[in-house]
Protein backbone atom coordinates (compact mmCIF):
# COMPACT_ATOMS: atom_id res chain seq x y z
CA MET A 1 168.65 69.02 109.55
CA ASP A 2 167.48 70.72 106.37
CA ARG A 3 164.14 69.03 105.81
CA ASP A 4 163.57 70.43 102.32
CA ARG A 5 167.05 69.40 101.18
CA LEU A 6 166.54 65.90 102.59
CA GLU A 7 163.20 65.56 100.86
CA THR A 8 164.76 66.55 97.53
CA ARG A 9 167.70 64.16 97.97
CA LEU A 10 165.37 61.28 98.85
CA VAL A 11 163.38 61.78 95.65
CA GLU A 12 166.57 62.06 93.57
CA ARG A 13 168.55 59.22 95.12
CA PHE A 14 165.79 56.66 95.65
CA ASP A 15 163.32 57.69 92.95
CA ALA A 16 160.83 58.11 95.77
CA VAL A 17 157.34 59.44 95.35
CA PRO A 18 157.17 62.97 96.76
CA ARG A 19 154.64 62.06 99.44
CA ALA A 20 156.86 59.28 100.84
CA ALA A 21 159.89 61.58 100.74
CA ARG A 22 157.95 64.25 102.62
CA VAL A 23 156.87 61.81 105.35
CA VAL A 24 160.36 60.31 105.77
CA ALA A 25 161.95 63.78 105.81
CA ARG A 26 159.48 64.86 108.50
CA GLN A 27 160.30 61.81 110.62
CA ALA A 28 164.03 62.40 110.16
CA THR A 29 163.56 65.99 111.28
CA ASP A 30 161.61 64.83 114.32
CA LEU A 31 164.38 62.34 115.10
CA ASP A 32 166.95 65.12 114.83
CA ASP A 33 164.87 67.48 116.98
CA ALA A 34 164.59 64.78 119.66
CA GLY A 35 168.39 64.65 119.89
CA ARG A 36 168.35 60.85 120.14
CA TYR A 37 170.77 60.21 117.24
CA GLU A 38 173.23 62.86 118.38
CA ARG A 39 173.24 61.47 121.93
CA ASP A 40 173.84 57.92 120.72
CA PHE A 41 176.44 58.69 118.05
CA ASP A 42 177.98 61.91 119.36
CA ALA A 43 177.36 63.56 115.99
CA PRO A 44 174.44 65.48 114.51
CA LEU A 45 172.05 63.75 112.16
CA THR A 46 172.61 65.11 108.67
CA VAL A 47 171.08 64.70 105.24
CA GLU A 48 174.20 62.82 104.17
CA ILE A 49 173.97 60.37 107.08
CA VAL A 50 170.32 59.61 106.37
CA VAL A 51 170.88 59.09 102.64
CA ALA A 52 174.00 56.95 103.16
CA ASN A 53 172.26 54.67 105.65
CA LEU A 54 169.14 54.28 103.54
CA ALA A 55 171.35 53.38 100.57
CA ASP A 56 172.54 50.32 102.50
CA ALA A 57 169.06 48.78 102.44
CA PRO A 58 168.15 46.23 99.75
CA ASP A 59 167.86 47.87 96.33
CA GLU A 60 164.37 46.59 95.65
CA TRP A 61 162.91 48.27 98.73
CA ASP A 62 161.03 51.53 98.49
CA LEU A 63 161.87 54.58 100.59
CA VAL A 64 159.55 53.79 103.51
CA GLU A 65 160.90 50.24 103.74
CA ARG A 66 164.46 51.59 103.72
CA TRP A 67 163.66 54.11 106.45
CA ASN A 68 161.98 51.52 108.66
CA TRP A 69 164.86 49.08 108.07
CA TRP A 70 167.41 51.64 109.24
CA LEU A 71 165.30 52.60 112.26
CA GLY A 72 164.93 48.92 113.11
CA ALA A 73 168.71 48.58 113.16
CA LEU A 74 169.00 51.65 115.38
CA GLU A 75 166.27 50.28 117.66
CA LEU A 76 168.13 46.98 118.03
CA SER A 77 171.48 48.61 118.70
CA HIS A 78 170.43 51.53 120.90
CA GLY A 79 166.69 51.48 121.61
CA GLY A 80 164.28 54.39 121.45
CA TYR A 81 163.93 54.70 117.67
CA SER A 82 160.71 52.81 116.91
CA GLN A 83 158.57 55.89 117.50
CA PHE A 84 160.06 57.46 114.37
CA GLY A 85 158.94 54.67 112.05
CA VAL A 86 156.53 55.19 109.18
CA ARG A 87 153.49 53.02 108.59
CA HIS A 88 153.62 51.96 104.97
CA GLY A 89 149.86 52.18 104.47
CA GLY A 90 149.85 55.80 105.61
CA VAL A 91 152.00 56.98 102.72
């Protein structure tokens, strides 16, 4: 996972504030480092996968809401993802 590339793509694609993009990119990197996504989906977590899944969230949601929405779906389907969520007030 290229954290800097992800952060840049998040700002570009979702018009995210840099601080939110930095926090989400850090959490995505932690998720990748944990190996949880790769174990569950038999594929590495990539910048493209993160951006594509966040794009599926409602358009009016900000980046943190999109990230937490995707993690919520992963939590429901596989478990073990809630620890990678982002508190909205902390961004």
